[in-house]
Amino acid sequence: AYTSQICHACNRLGRRDEQAEFVCPHDDCHVTEFQ
């Protein structure tokens, strides 16, 4: 469950604007965009 929808760094929900791109919208997380 949710392995493709949460950020691996902060474990919070992000979004996928494109199929191959994961975006973490949380400012306090060092991840912004990730494959």
PDB file of all heavy atoms in Angstrom:
ATOM      1  N   ALA A   1       0.820  -1.218   0.000  1.00  0.00           N
ATOM      2  CA  ALA A   1       0.000   0.000   0.000  1.00  0.00           C
ATOM      3  C   ALA A   1       0.853   1.268   0.000  1.00  0.00           C
ATOM      4  O   ALA A   1       1.784   1.406   0.803  1.00  0.00           O
ATOM      5  CB  ALA A   1      -0.923  -0.012   1.213  1.00  0.00           C
ATOM      6  N   TYR A   2       0.541   2.176  -0.926  1.00  0.00           N
ATOM      7  CA  TYR A   2       1.098   3.528  -0.979  1.00  0.00           C
ATOM      8  C   TYR A   2       2.605   3.588  -1.256  1.00  0.00           C
ATOM      9  O   TYR A   2       3.214   4.641  -1.078  1.00  0.00           O
ATOM     10  CB  TYR A   2       0.818   4.288   0.326  1.00  0.00           C
ATOM     11  CG  TYR A   2      -0.658   4.415   0.635  1.00  0.00           C
ATOM     12  CD1 TYR A   2      -1.239   3.649   1.632  1.00  0.00           C
ATOM     13  CD2 TYR A   2      -1.470   5.290  -0.095  1.00  0.00           C
ATOM     14  CE1 TYR A   2      -2.596   3.742   1.912  1.00  0.00           C
ATOM     15  CE2 TYR A   2      -2.825   5.397   0.170  1.00  0.00           C
ATOM     16  CZ  TYR A   2      -3.379   4.625   1.178  1.00  0.00           C
ATOM     17  OH  TYR A   2      -4.726   4.724   1.430  1.00  0.00           O
ATOM     18  N   THR A   3       3.206   2.499  -1.710  1.00  0.00           N
ATOM     19  CA  THR A   3       4.653   2.558  -1.950  1.00  0.00           C
ATOM     20  C   THR A   3       5.013   3.550  -3.058  1.00  0.00           C
ATOM     21  O   THR A   3       6.116   4.100  -3.054  1.00  0.00           O
ATOM     22  CB  THR A   3       5.209   1.174  -2.320  1.00  0.00           C
ATOM     23  OG1 THR A   3       4.436   0.629  -3.394  1.00  0.00           O
ATOM     24  CG2 THR A   3       5.166   0.236  -1.127  1.00  0.00           C
ATOM     25  N   SER A   4       4.104   3.788  -3.994  1.00  0.00           N
ATOM     26  CA  SER A   4       4.399   4.727  -5.083  1.00  0.00           C
ATOM     27  C   SER A   4       3.888   6.133  -4.802  1.00  0.00           C
ATOM     28  O   SER A   4       4.093   7.038  -5.610  1.00  0.00           O
ATOM     29  CB  SER A   4       3.775   4.217  -6.388  1.00  0.00           C
ATOM     30  OG  SER A   4       2.364   4.163  -6.274  1.00  0.00           O
ATOM     31  N   GLN A   5       3.224   6.338  -3.642  1.00  0.00           N
ATOM     32  CA  GLN A   5       2.584   7.631  -3.375  1.00  0.00           C
ATOM     33  C   GLN A   5       3.234   8.416  -2.240  1.00  0.00           C
ATOM     34  O   GLN A   5       2.904   9.576  -2.030  1.00  0.00           O
ATOM     35  CB  GLN A   5       1.103   7.416  -3.052  1.00  0.00           C
ATOM     36  CG  GLN A   5       0.332   6.749  -4.178  1.00  0.00           C
ATOM     37  CD  GLN A   5      -1.100   6.465  -3.785  1.00  0.00           C
ATOM     38  OE1 GLN A   5      -1.767   7.307  -3.196  1.00  0.00           O
ATOM     39  NE2 GLN A   5      -1.587   5.271  -4.099  1.00  0.00           N
ATOM     40  N   ILE A   6       4.136   7.785  -1.492  1.00  0.00           N
ATOM     41  CA  ILE A   6       4.763   8.497  -0.380  1.00  0.00           C
ATOM     42  C   ILE A   6       6.246   8.718  -0.655  1.00  0.00           C
ATOM     43  O   ILE A   6       6.872   8.004  -1.435  1.00  0.00           O
ATOM     44  CB  ILE A   6       4.579   7.738   0.955  1.00  0.00           C
ATOM     45  CG1 ILE A   6       5.279   6.385   0.907  1.00  0.00           C
ATOM     46  CG2 ILE A   6       3.113   7.582   1.302  1.00  0.00           C
ATOM     47  CD1 ILE A   6       5.269   5.650   2.243  1.00  0.00           C
ATOM     48  N   CYS A   7       6.785   9.692   0.009  1.00  0.00           N
ATOM     49  CA  CYS A   7       8.201  10.035  -0.148  1.00  0.00           C
ATOM     50  C   CYS A   7       9.056   9.077   0.684  1.00  0.00           C
ATOM     51  O   CYS A   7       8.759   8.834   1.856  1.00  0.00           O
ATOM     52  CB  CYS A   7       8.425  11.472   0.309  1.00  0.00           C
ATOM     53  SG  CYS A   7      10.154  11.981   0.314  1.00  0.00           S
ATOM     54  N   HIS A   8      10.106   8.558   0.094  1.00  0.00           N
ATOM     55  CA  HIS A   8      10.953   7.606   0.806  1.00  0.00           C
ATOM     56  C   HIS A   8      11.739   8.263   1.938  1.00  0.00           C
ATOM     57  O   HIS A   8      12.198   7.592   2.865  1.00  0.00           O
ATOM     58  CB  HIS A   8      11.946   6.944  -0.168  1.00  0.00           C
ATOM     59  CG  HIS A   8      13.018   7.868  -0.654  1.00  0.00           C
ATOM     60  ND1 HIS A   8      12.860   8.666  -1.767  1.00  0.00           N
ATOM     61  CD2 HIS A   8      14.263   8.144  -0.172  1.00  0.00           C
ATOM     62  CE1 HIS A   8      13.963   9.374  -1.957  1.00  0.00           C
ATOM     63  NE2 HIS A   8      14.828   9.082  -1.006  1.00  0.00           N
ATOM     64  N   ALA A   9      11.884   9.599   1.871  1.00  0.00           N
ATOM     65  CA  ALA A   9      12.677  10.304   2.876  1.00  0.00           C
ATOM     66  C   ALA A   9      11.844  10.706   4.092  1.00  0.00           C
ATOM     67  O   ALA A   9      12.276  10.532   5.236  1.00  0.00           O
ATOM     68  CB  ALA A   9      13.333  11.530   2.260  1.00  0.00           C
ATOM     69  N   CYS A  10      10.624  11.249   3.855  1.00  0.00           N
ATOM     70  CA  CYS A  10       9.816  11.743   4.977  1.00  0.00           C
ATOM     71  C   CYS A  10       8.557  10.931   5.236  1.00  0.00           C
ATOM     72  O   CYS A  10       7.826  11.216   6.188  1.00  0.00           O
ATOM     73  CB  CYS A  10       9.448  13.213   4.755  1.00  0.00           C
ATOM     74  SG  CYS A  10       8.300  13.494   3.375  1.00  0.00           S
ATOM     75  N   ASN A  11       8.275   9.945   4.360  1.00  0.00           N
ATOM     76  CA  ASN A  11       7.124   9.041   4.531  1.00  0.00           C
ATOM     77  C   ASN A  11       5.780   9.768   4.530  1.00  0.00           C
ATOM     78  O   ASN A  11       4.817   9.310   5.146  1.00  0.00           O
ATOM     79  CB  ASN A  11       7.259   8.229   5.826  1.00  0.00           C
ATOM     80  CG  ASN A  11       8.393   7.240   5.755  1.00  0.00           C
ATOM     81  OD1 ASN A  11       8.606   6.596   4.739  1.00  0.00           O
ATOM     82  ND2 ASN A  11       9.154   7.129   6.840  1.00  0.00           N
ATOM     83  N   ARG A  12       5.727  10.896   3.822  1.00  0.00           N
ATOM     84  CA  ARG A  12       4.459  11.603   3.675  1.00  0.00           C
ATOM     85  C   ARG A  12       4.009  11.571   2.213  1.00  0.00           C
ATOM     86  O   ARG A  12       4.813  11.394   1.307  1.00  0.00           O
ATOM     87  CB  ARG A  12       4.597  13.049   4.163  1.00  0.00           C
ATOM     88  CG  ARG A  12       4.731  13.156   5.684  1.00  0.00           C
ATOM     89  CD  ARG A  12       4.936  14.593   6.132  1.00  0.00           C
ATOM     90  NE  ARG A  12       6.271  15.074   5.790  1.00  0.00           N
ATOM     91  CZ  ARG A  12       6.725  16.293   6.124  1.00  0.00           C
ATOM     92  NH1 ARG A  12       5.954  17.129   6.799  1.00  0.00           N
ATOM     93  NH2 ARG A  12       7.955  16.661   5.782  1.00  0.00           N
ATOM     94  N   LEU A  13       2.700  11.774   2.021  1.00  0.00           N
ATOM     95  CA  LEU A  13       2.145  11.701   0.675  1.00  0.00           C
ATOM     96  C   LEU A  13       2.712  12.791  -0.213  1.00  0.00           C
ATOM     97  O   LEU A  13       2.848  13.955   0.202  1.00  0.00           O
ATOM     98  CB  LEU A  13       0.624  11.817   0.717  1.00  0.00           C
ATOM     99  CG  LEU A  13      -0.151  10.587   1.207  1.00  0.00           C
ATOM    100  CD1 LEU A  13      -1.627  10.914   1.355  1.00  0.00           C
ATOM    101  CD2 LEU A  13       0.039   9.420   0.241  1.00  0.00           C
ATOM    102  N   GLY A  14       3.045  12.409  -1.441  1.00  0.00           N
ATOM    103  CA  GLY A  14       3.478  13.357  -2.450  1.00  0.00           C
ATOM    104  C   GLY A  14       2.560  13.246  -3.650  1.00  0.00           C
ATOM    105  O   GLY A  14       1.417  12.798  -3.540  1.00  0.00           O
ATOM    106  N   ARG A  15       3.058  13.625  -4.808  1.00  0.00           N
ATOM    107  CA  ARG A  15       2.230  13.533  -6.011  1.00  0.00           C
ATOM    108  C   ARG A  15       3.113  13.141  -7.197  1.00  0.00           C
ATOM    109  O   ARG A  15       4.329  13.272  -7.159  1.00  0.00           O
ATOM    110  CB  ARG A  15       1.520  14.854  -6.288  1.00  0.00           C
ATOM    111  CG  ARG A  15       2.445  16.011  -6.639  1.00  0.00           C
ATOM    112  CD  ARG A  15       1.650  17.272  -6.984  1.00  0.00           C
ATOM    113  NE  ARG A  15       2.524  18.316  -7.488  1.00  0.00           N
ATOM    114  CZ  ARG A  15       3.119  19.229  -6.722  1.00  0.00           C
ATOM    115  NH1 ARG A  15       2.928  19.210  -5.405  1.00  0.00           N
ATOM    116  NH2 ARG A  15       3.893  20.155  -7.277  1.00  0.00           N
ATOM    117  N   ARG A  16       2.447  12.641  -8.234  1.00  0.00           N
ATOM    118  CA  ARG A  16       3.139  12.276  -9.468  1.00  0.00           C
ATOM    119  C   ARG A  16       2.532  13.079 -10.600  1.00  0.00           C
ATOM    120  O   ARG A  16       1.503  12.708 -11.158  1.00  0.00           O
ATOM    121  CB  ARG A  16       3.030  10.769  -9.726  1.00  0.00           C
ATOM    122  CG  ARG A  16       3.766   9.948  -8.693  1.00  0.00           C
ATOM    123  CD  ARG A  16       3.617   8.453  -8.906  1.00  0.00           C
ATOM    124  NE  ARG A  16       4.285   7.972 -10.103  1.00  0.00           N
ATOM    125  CZ  ARG A  16       4.574   6.693 -10.330  1.00  0.00           C
ATOM    126  NH1 ARG A  16       4.253   5.776  -9.413  1.00  0.00           N
ATOM    127  NH2 ARG A  16       5.172   6.324 -11.427  1.00  0.00           N
ATOM    128  N   ASP A  17       3.160  14.214 -10.911  1.00  0.00           N
ATOM    129  CA  ASP A  17       2.668  15.054 -12.006  1.00  0.00           C
ATOM    130  C   ASP A  17       2.869  14.360 -13.342  1.00  0.00           C
ATOM    131  O   ASP A  17       2.119  14.574 -14.287  1.00  0.00           O
ATOM    132  CB  ASP A  17       3.389  16.403 -12.004  1.00  0.00           C
ATOM    133  CG  ASP A  17       3.096  17.199 -10.728  1.00  0.00           C
ATOM    134  OD1 ASP A  17       2.014  16.981 -10.134  1.00  0.00           O
ATOM    135  OD2 ASP A  17       3.949  18.006 -10.325  1.00  0.00           O
ATOM    136  N   GLU A  18       3.925  13.544 -13.429  1.00  0.00           N
ATOM    137  CA  GLU A  18       4.193  12.743 -14.613  1.00  0.00           C
ATOM    138  C   GLU A  18       4.444  11.313 -14.165  1.00  0.00           C
ATOM    139  O   GLU A  18       4.762  11.060 -12.994  1.00  0.00           O
ATOM    140  CB  GLU A  18       5.406  13.285 -15.380  1.00  0.00           C
ATOM    141  CG  GLU A  18       5.211  14.696 -15.906  1.00  0.00           C
ATOM    142  CD  GLU A  18       6.437  15.193 -16.651  1.00  0.00           C
ATOM    143  OE1 GLU A  18       7.368  14.380 -16.855  1.00  0.00           O
ATOM    144  OE2 GLU A  18       6.469  16.371 -17.034  1.00  0.00           O
ATOM    145  N   GLN A  19       4.327  10.380 -15.116  1.00  0.00           N
ATOM    146  CA  GLN A  19       4.444   8.968 -14.785  1.00  0.00           C
ATOM    147  C   GLN A  19       5.764   8.634 -14.105  1.00  0.00           C
ATOM    148  O   GLN A  19       5.819   7.868 -13.149  1.00  0.00           O
ATOM    149  CB  GLN A  19       4.287   8.116 -16.057  1.00  0.00           C
ATOM    150  CG  GLN A  19       4.488   6.627 -15.865  1.00  0.00           C
ATOM    151  CD  GLN A  19       3.437   6.009 -14.962  1.00  0.00           C
ATOM    152  OE1 GLN A  19       2.329   6.517 -14.855  1.00  0.00           O
ATOM    153  NE2 GLN A  19       3.789   4.895 -14.306  1.00  0.00           N
ATOM    154  N   ALA A  20       6.845   9.226 -14.586  1.00  0.00           N
ATOM    155  CA  ALA A  20       8.171   8.866 -14.083  1.00  0.00           C
ATOM    156  C   ALA A  20       8.699   9.831 -13.029  1.00  0.00           C
ATOM    157  O   ALA A  20       9.852   9.724 -12.625  1.00  0.00           O
ATOM    158  CB  ALA A  20       9.164   8.786 -15.246  1.00  0.00           C
ATOM    159  N   GLU A  21       7.864  10.776 -12.561  1.00  0.00           N
ATOM    160  CA  GLU A  21       8.364  11.799 -11.642  1.00  0.00           C
ATOM    161  C   GLU A  21       7.536  11.838 -10.367  1.00  0.00           C
ATOM    162  O   GLU A  21       6.309  11.943 -10.404  1.00  0.00           O
ATOM    163  CB  GLU A  21       8.319  13.168 -12.321  1.00  0.00           C
ATOM    164  CG  GLU A  21       8.824  14.308 -11.460  1.00  0.00           C
ATOM    165  CD  GLU A  21       8.698  15.646 -12.163  1.00  0.00           C
ATOM    166  OE1 GLU A  21       9.606  15.962 -12.963  1.00  0.00           O
ATOM    167  OE2 GLU A  21       7.695  16.339 -11.930  1.00  0.00           O
ATOM    168  N   PHE A  22       8.211  11.738  -9.236  1.00  0.00           N
ATOM    169  CA  PHE A  22       7.559  11.878  -7.937  1.00  0.00           C
ATOM    170  C   PHE A  22       7.964  13.218  -7.346  1.00  0.00           C
ATOM    171  O   PHE A  22       9.144  13.593  -7.349  1.00  0.00           O
ATOM    172  CB  PHE A  22       7.974  10.751  -6.990  1.00  0.00           C
ATOM    173  CG  PHE A  22       7.441  10.917  -5.593  1.00  0.00           C
ATOM    174  CD1 PHE A  22       6.166  10.473  -5.270  1.00  0.00           C
ATOM    175  CD2 PHE A  22       8.205  11.533  -4.614  1.00  0.00           C
ATOM    176  CE1 PHE A  22       5.659  10.631  -3.993  1.00  0.00           C
ATOM    177  CE2 PHE A  22       7.714  11.696  -3.335  1.00  0.00           C
ATOM    178  CZ  PHE A  22       6.432  11.242  -3.020  1.00  0.00           C
ATOM    179  N   VAL A  23       6.987  13.963  -6.825  1.00  0.00           N
ATOM    180  CA  VAL A  23       7.235  15.275  -6.243  1.00  0.00           C
ATOM    181  C   VAL A  23       6.812  15.249  -4.776  1.00  0.00           C
ATOM    182  O   VAL A  23       5.676  14.877  -4.449  1.00  0.00           O
ATOM    183  CB  VAL A  23       6.447  16.376  -6.987  1.00  0.00           C
ATOM    184  CG1 VAL A  23       6.646  17.726  -6.296  1.00  0.00           C
ATOM    185  CG2 VAL A  23       6.868  16.446  -8.442  1.00  0.00           C
ATOM    186  N   CYS A  24       7.738  15.630  -3.901  1.00  0.00           N
ATOM    187  CA  CYS A  24       7.421  15.770  -2.480  1.00  0.00           C
ATOM    188  C   CYS A  24       7.153  17.255  -2.212  1.00  0.00           C
ATOM    189  O   CYS A  24       8.061  18.079  -2.342  1.00  0.00           O
ATOM    190  CB  CYS A  24       8.565  15.268  -1.607  1.00  0.00           C
ATOM    191  SG  CYS A  24       8.189  15.355   0.166  1.00  0.00           S
ATOM    192  N   PRO A  25       5.912  17.638  -1.834  1.00  0.00           N
ATOM    193  CA  PRO A  25       5.562  19.057  -1.701  1.00  0.00           C
ATOM    194  C   PRO A  25       5.919  19.667  -0.351  1.00  0.00           C
ATOM    195  O   PRO A  25       5.645  20.850  -0.120  1.00  0.00           O
ATOM    196  CB  PRO A  25       4.044  19.038  -1.900  1.00  0.00           C
ATOM    197  CG  PRO A  25       3.622  17.718  -1.329  1.00  0.00           C
ATOM    198  CD  PRO A  25       4.752  16.758  -1.604  1.00  0.00           C
ATOM    199  N   HIS A  26       6.521  18.890   0.538  1.00  0.00           N
ATOM    200  CA  HIS A  26       6.764  19.370   1.895  1.00  0.00           C
ATOM    201  C   HIS A  26       8.101  20.118   1.975  1.00  0.00           C
ATOM    202  O   HIS A  26       9.164  19.563   1.657  1.00  0.00           O
ATOM    203  CB  HIS A  26       6.733  18.192   2.869  1.00  0.00           C
ATOM    204  CG  HIS A  26       5.464  17.404   2.783  1.00  0.00           C
ATOM    205  ND1 HIS A  26       4.264  17.852   3.295  1.00  0.00           N
ATOM    206  CD2 HIS A  26       5.200  16.198   2.201  1.00  0.00           C
ATOM    207  CE1 HIS A  26       3.313  16.949   3.060  1.00  0.00           C
ATOM    208  NE2 HIS A  26       3.863  15.945   2.392  1.00  0.00           N
ATOM    209  N   ASP A  27       8.038  21.350   2.428  1.00  0.00           N
ATOM    210  CA  ASP A  27       9.213  22.219   2.434  1.00  0.00           C
ATOM    211  C   ASP A  27      10.319  21.722   3.361  1.00  0.00           C
ATOM    212  O   ASP A  27      11.504  22.015   3.132  1.00  0.00           O
ATOM    213  CB  ASP A  27       8.816  23.648   2.836  1.00  0.00           C
ATOM    214  CG  ASP A  27       7.916  24.301   1.802  1.00  0.00           C
ATOM    215  OD1 ASP A  27       7.981  23.878   0.628  1.00  0.00           O
ATOM    216  OD2 ASP A  27       7.142  25.206   2.177  1.00  0.00           O
ATOM    217  N   ASP A  28       9.943  21.020   4.425  1.00  0.00           N
ATOM    218  CA  ASP A  28      10.953  20.573   5.380  1.00  0.00           C
ATOM    219  C   ASP A  28      11.620  19.267   4.986  1.00  0.00           C
ATOM    220  O   ASP A  28      12.432  18.723   5.734  1.00  0.00           O
ATOM    221  CB  ASP A  28      10.343  20.440   6.780  1.00  0.00           C
ATOM    222  CG  ASP A  28       9.173  19.467   6.797  1.00  0.00           C
ATOM    223  OD1 ASP A  28       8.627  19.176   5.710  1.00  0.00           O
ATOM    224  OD2 ASP A  28       8.801  19.001   7.895  1.00  0.00           O
ATOM    225  N   CYS A  29      11.274  18.732   3.805  1.00  0.00           N
ATOM    226  CA  CYS A  29      11.893  17.491   3.305  1.00  0.00           C
ATOM    227  C   CYS A  29      12.958  17.852   2.271  1.00  0.00           C
ATOM    228  O   CYS A  29      12.746  18.726   1.421  1.00  0.00           O
ATOM    229  CB  CYS A  29      10.843  16.574   2.691  1.00  0.00           C
ATOM    230  SG  CYS A  29      11.521  15.029   2.026  1.00  0.00           S
ATOM    231  N   HIS A  30      14.099  17.178   2.328  1.00  0.00           N
ATOM    232  CA  HIS A  30      15.184  17.495   1.390  1.00  0.00           C
ATOM    233  C   HIS A  30      14.907  16.994  -0.022  1.00  0.00           C
ATOM    234  O   HIS A  30      15.603  17.369  -0.963  1.00  0.00           O
ATOM    235  CB  HIS A  30      16.507  16.908   1.892  1.00  0.00           C
ATOM    236  CG  HIS A  30      16.568  15.410   1.823  1.00  0.00           C
ATOM    237  ND1 HIS A  30      16.117  14.597   2.845  1.00  0.00           N
ATOM    238  CD2 HIS A  30      17.005  14.574   0.853  1.00  0.00           C
ATOM    239  CE1 HIS A  30      16.300  13.342   2.505  1.00  0.00           C
ATOM    240  NE2 HIS A  30      16.837  13.295   1.308  1.00  0.00           N
ATOM    241  N   VAL A  31      13.873  16.145  -0.188  1.00  0.00           N
ATOM    242  CA  VAL A  31      13.512  15.646  -1.515  1.00  0.00           C
ATOM    243  C   VAL A  31      12.500  16.596  -2.144  1.00  0.00           C
ATOM    244  O   VAL A  31      11.488  16.940  -1.526  1.00  0.00           O
ATOM    245  CB  VAL A  31      12.903  14.230  -1.426  1.00  0.00           C
ATOM    246  CG1 VAL A  31      12.359  13.808  -2.788  1.00  0.00           C
ATOM    247  CG2 VAL A  31      13.958  13.239  -0.961  1.00  0.00           C
ATOM    248  N   THR A  32      12.775  17.051  -3.340  1.00  0.00           N
ATOM    249  CA  THR A  32      11.792  17.847  -4.084  1.00  0.00           C
ATOM    250  C   THR A  32      11.237  17.016  -5.230  1.00  0.00           C
ATOM    251  O   THR A  32      10.044  16.732  -5.280  1.00  0.00           O
ATOM    252  CB  THR A  32      12.438  19.138  -4.623  1.00  0.00           C
ATOM    253  OG1 THR A  32      13.631  18.793  -5.374  1.00  0.00           O
ATOM    254  CG2 THR A  32      12.810  20.066  -3.491  1.00  0.00           C
ATOM    255  N   GLU A  33      12.097  16.602  -6.156  1.00  0.00           N
ATOM    256  CA  GLU A  33      11.696  15.718  -7.247  1.00  0.00           C
ATOM    257  C   GLU A  33      12.571  14.469  -7.219  1.00  0.00           C
ATOM    258  O   GLU A  33      13.759  14.538  -6.908  1.00  0.00           O
ATOM    259  CB  GLU A  33      11.822  16.426  -8.595  1.00  0.00           C
ATOM    260  CG  GLU A  33      10.900  17.624  -8.752  1.00  0.00           C
ATOM    261  CD  GLU A  33      11.068  18.283 -10.107  1.00  0.00           C
ATOM    262  OE1 GLU A  33      11.914  17.789 -10.891  1.00  0.00           O
ATOM    263  OE2 GLU A  33      10.376  19.272 -10.383  1.00  0.00           O
ATOM    264  N   PHE A  34      11.954  13.335  -7.576  1.00  0.00           N
ATOM    265  CA  PHE A  34      12.691  12.069  -7.548  1.00  0.00           C
ATOM    266  C   PHE A  34      12.103  11.166  -8.614  1.00  0.00           C
ATOM    267  O   PHE A  34      10.912  11.257  -8.953  1.00  0.00           O
ATOM    268  CB  PHE A  34      12.535  11.409  -6.160  1.00  0.00           C
ATOM    269  CG  PHE A  34      13.744  10.630  -5.714  1.00  0.00           C
ATOM    270  CD1 PHE A  34      14.840  11.260  -5.145  1.00  0.00           C
ATOM    271  CD2 PHE A  34      13.789   9.244  -5.872  1.00  0.00           C
ATOM    272  CE1 PHE A  34      15.954  10.541  -4.729  1.00  0.00           C
ATOM    273  CE2 PHE A  34      14.893   8.508  -5.466  1.00  0.00           C
ATOM    274  CZ  PHE A  34      15.986   9.165  -4.893  1.00  0.00           C
ATOM    275  N   GLN A  35      12.927  10.301  -9.186  1.00  0.00           N
ATOM    276  CA  GLN A  35      12.416   9.328 -10.141  1.00  0.00           C
ATOM    277  C   GLN A  35      11.387   8.441  -9.430  1.00  0.00           C
ATOM    278  O   GLN A  35      11.670   7.838  -8.394  1.00  0.00           O
ATOM    279  CB  GLN A  35      13.573   8.475 -10.690  1.00  0.00           C
ATOM    280  CG  GLN A  35      13.364   7.943 -12.095  1.00  0.00           C
ATOM    281  CD  GLN A  35      12.381   6.769 -12.168  1.00  0.00           C
ATOM    282  OE1 GLN A  35      12.146   6.094 -11.177  1.00  0.00           O
ATOM    283  NE2 GLN A  35      11.826   6.526 -13.337  1.00  0.00           N
TER     284      GLN A  35
END
